[in-house]
Amino acid sequence: MSDLYTDKENFLVVLDSRNATTLQNGSYNSSVYFGFNEPIRMPKNCLKMMCSVLHFQAPNSIYNINENNNLLYITMNSIKTTYILQKGLYNCNNFMTYLLSILPSSFSISINTITNKYKFTNTTYEFIISGNCAQILGFSLSSSASSSSRILTMPYMCNFNGLQS
C-alpha cells in the first residue's frame, strides 16, 4: 500500500479588505495585502491541492471625475480661472457641495430635482463655464455655457453615470 495522502480536509479563509495587513493605496481599500501567521502547506505526500473562491464582492468604485474630465474653467470679468477637480465618485449633491467649496463665495449652486439641471448664480459678474467636465455639469463638451443676468441654468441634465461599460 502506498503512503498517498487522501484526506479531504476543508477549511475556510475569509478575506475582507477592511482587515488587510497592508493598505497599499491608503483608505481606498482596493489594493491590499493579507499576511498569514502560518503558510498554507500541502501535506508531504499530496498530489493535488485545490482552492476555490466561494464569494467575491466588489463595489463600483470607478471614479466619475477622473483625469479625463477634471478641468473646469470659469471666466468672469475677462479673467479665466482654471479649477482642477478632485478625482472621486460623486453624485449631484456631493459634487455641488464640492464645487461650492472651491468656487468664489459669490457663487451659489442649486439643482432642480425634477429636471436634474444645475443652476449657477453669481452675485457679482456675468460668467462663462467651460471645460472637459461639461457633460457631468450638463452642457455640451464642444461648447461653453454663458450666464444671463448672472444666472446660468445648464441646458442638459447633469450626468454622473460614469463609464457605461
Protein backbone atom coordinates (compact mmCIF):
# COMPACT_ATOMS: atom_id res chain seq x y z
CA MET A 1 0.00 0.00 0.00
CA SER A 2 1.33 3.45 -0.84
CA ASP A 3 1.65 6.36 1.53
CA LEU A 4 -0.64 8.54 -0.59
CA TYR A 5 -2.45 11.13 1.47
CA THR A 6 -6.17 11.10 0.54
CA ASP A 7 -7.76 13.09 3.32
CA LYS A 8 -10.16 15.75 2.07
CA GLU A 9 -9.71 18.42 4.66
CA ASN A 10 -11.69 21.61 4.17
CA PHE A 11 -11.12 24.96 5.73
CA LEU A 12 -12.41 28.43 5.07
CA VAL A 13 -10.31 31.56 4.74
CA VAL A 14 -12.26 34.82 4.93
CA LEU A 15 -10.56 37.89 3.48
CA ASP A 16 -12.09 41.33 3.92
CA SER A 17 -10.23 44.41 2.68
CA ARG A 18 -11.15 46.23 5.89
CA ASN A 19 -9.00 43.71 7.79
CA ALA A 20 -5.98 43.67 5.47
CA THR A 21 -2.46 43.64 6.85
CA THR A 22 -1.32 46.42 4.49
CA LEU A 23 -3.38 49.00 2.61
CA GLN A 24 -1.33 49.81 -0.47
CA ASN A 25 -3.39 52.81 -1.60
CA GLY A 26 -4.47 54.44 1.63
CA SER A 27 -8.07 54.27 2.73
CA TYR A 28 -9.41 53.23 -0.71
CA ASN A 29 -9.14 49.52 0.27
CA SER A 30 -8.77 48.46 -3.36
CA SER A 31 -5.14 47.32 -3.28
CA VAL A 32 -4.49 45.33 -0.13
CA TYR A 33 -2.15 42.67 1.23
CA PHE A 34 -3.00 39.88 3.67
CA GLY A 35 -0.25 38.32 5.72
CA PHE A 36 -0.82 34.91 7.33
CA ASN A 37 0.79 33.80 10.60
CA GLU A 38 1.33 30.35 9.11
CA PRO A 39 1.59 29.41 5.41
CA ILE A 40 -0.97 27.13 3.79
CA ARG A 41 1.03 23.99 3.05
CA MET A 42 0.42 20.85 1.08
CA PRO A 43 0.92 17.67 3.10
CA LYS A 44 4.11 15.79 2.26
CA ASN A 45 2.59 13.06 0.04
CA CYS A 46 -0.16 15.18 -1.51
CA LEU A 47 -0.52 15.14 -5.31
CA LYS A 48 -3.06 17.91 -5.64
CA MET A 49 -4.42 20.75 -3.57
CA MET A 50 -7.49 22.67 -4.69
CA CYS A 51 -8.71 26.11 -3.76
CA SER A 52 -11.82 27.99 -4.80
CA VAL A 53 -13.49 31.34 -4.25
CA LEU A 54 -16.92 30.94 -2.70
CA HIS A 55 -17.91 34.59 -2.82
CA PHE A 56 -16.47 37.82 -4.19
CA GLN A 57 -17.97 41.27 -3.95
CA ALA A 58 -16.60 44.49 -5.39
CA PRO A 59 -18.48 47.77 -5.25
CA ASN A 60 -18.47 50.06 -8.27
CA SER A 61 -15.62 52.34 -7.36
CA ILE A 62 -14.79 53.75 -10.79
CA TYR A 63 -14.36 57.48 -10.43
CA ASN A 64 -16.79 59.57 -12.44
CA ILE A 65 -14.43 62.54 -12.06
CA ASN A 66 -11.01 61.44 -13.27
CA GLU A 67 -8.05 62.71 -15.31
CA ASN A 68 -10.23 62.82 -18.46
CA ASN A 69 -12.91 65.18 -17.13
CA ASN A 70 -11.44 67.10 -14.20
CA LEU A 71 -10.99 70.56 -15.72
CA LEU A 72 -13.41 73.41 -15.09
CA TYR A 73 -12.83 76.89 -16.49
CA ILE A 74 -14.78 79.88 -15.28
CA THR A 75 -14.37 83.23 -16.97
CA MET A 76 -15.55 86.28 -15.00
CA ASN A 77 -14.73 89.93 -15.67
CA SER A 78 -12.47 88.80 -18.59
CA ILE A 79 -10.38 86.62 -16.24
CA LYS A 80 -10.32 82.88 -16.91
CA THR A 81 -9.69 80.71 -13.85
CA THR A 82 -8.80 77.03 -14.08
CA TYR A 83 -10.08 74.57 -11.47
CA ILE A 84 -8.61 71.08 -11.39
CA LEU A 85 -11.36 68.98 -9.87
CA GLN A 86 -10.52 66.38 -7.27
CA LYS A 87 -10.88 62.85 -8.60
CA GLY A 88 -13.67 60.90 -6.97
CA LEU A 89 -17.02 59.20 -7.14
CA TYR A 90 -19.66 61.92 -6.95
CA ASN A 91 -23.41 62.31 -7.15
CA CYS A 92 -25.22 65.56 -7.98
CA ASN A 93 -25.43 66.66 -4.34
CA ASN A 94 -21.92 65.97 -3.07
CA PHE A 95 -20.47 67.38 -6.32
CA MET A 96 -22.46 70.57 -5.83
CA THR A 97 -21.10 70.81 -2.27
CA TYR A 98 -17.58 70.23 -3.55
CA LEU A 99 -17.92 72.92 -6.24
CA LEU A 100 -19.19 75.44 -3.68
CA SER A 101 -16.09 74.74 -1.58
CA ILE A 102 -13.69 75.64 -4.41
CA LEU A 103 -15.55 78.41 -6.26
CA PRO A 104 -15.56 82.05 -5.13
CA SER A 105 -18.11 82.84 -2.44
CA SER A 106 -20.08 84.96 -4.94
CA PHE A 107 -21.38 81.69 -6.46
CA SER A 108 -24.38 79.70 -5.39
CA ILE A 109 -25.49 76.44 -6.98
CA SER A 110 -28.77 74.58 -6.84
CA ILE A 111 -30.16 71.56 -8.63
CA ASN A 112 -33.69 71.06 -9.89
CA THR A 113 -34.61 67.60 -8.64
CA ILE A 114 -37.21 67.17 -11.40
CA THR A 115 -35.01 68.07 -14.39
CA ASN A 116 -31.61 67.26 -12.81
CA LYS A 117 -30.22 70.54 -14.13
CA TYR A 118 -27.75 72.66 -12.23
CA LYS A 119 -28.39 76.37 -11.76
CA PHE A 120 -25.38 78.59 -11.11
CA THR A 121 -25.78 82.12 -9.79
CA ASN A 122 -23.11 84.74 -9.27
CA THR A 123 -23.86 87.85 -7.24
CA THR A 124 -21.09 89.92 -8.85
CA TYR A 125 -20.35 89.20 -12.53
CA GLU A 126 -21.62 87.53 -15.65
CA PHE A 127 -19.65 84.32 -16.21
CA ILE A 128 -18.83 81.60 -18.70
CA ILE A 129 -18.28 77.95 -17.76
CA SER A 130 -16.30 75.56 -19.95
CA GLY A 131 -14.00 72.57 -19.56
CA ASN A 132 -13.82 68.86 -20.11
CA CYS A 133 -16.27 68.28 -17.22
CA ALA A 134 -19.05 69.66 -19.42
CA GLN A 135 -21.13 66.51 -19.69
CA ILE A 136 -21.07 65.99 -15.93
CA LEU A 137 -22.34 69.54 -15.35
CA GLY A 138 -24.90 69.43 -18.17
CA PHE A 139 -23.61 71.26 -21.22
CA SER A 140 -22.05 70.20 -24.50
CA LEU A 141 -18.38 69.19 -24.45
CA SER A 142 -17.72 71.20 -27.63
CA SER A 143 -19.08 74.46 -26.23
CA SER A 144 -19.29 76.62 -23.15
CA ALA A 145 -22.24 77.86 -21.14
CA SER A 146 -22.81 81.57 -20.51
CA SER A 147 -24.82 83.26 -17.81
CA SER A 148 -27.58 85.78 -18.39
CA SER A 149 -28.37 88.26 -15.62
CA ARG A 150 -25.63 86.42 -13.64
CA ILE A 151 -27.70 83.19 -13.71
CA LEU A 152 -26.92 80.05 -15.69
CA THR A 153 -29.22 77.04 -15.85
CA MET A 154 -27.49 74.23 -17.66
CA PRO A 155 -29.15 73.19 -20.94
CA TYR A 156 -28.90 69.47 -20.16
CA MET A 157 -29.22 67.33 -17.06
CA CYS A 158 -26.11 66.52 -15.09
CA ASN A 159 -24.65 63.09 -15.76
CA PHE A 160 -22.80 61.16 -13.05
CA ASN A 161 -23.23 57.75 -14.67
CA GLY A 162 -19.52 57.43 -15.42
CA LEU A 163 -18.34 54.64 -17.69
CA GLN A 164 -21.14 52.77 -19.41
CA SER A 165 -19.19 49.56 -19.98
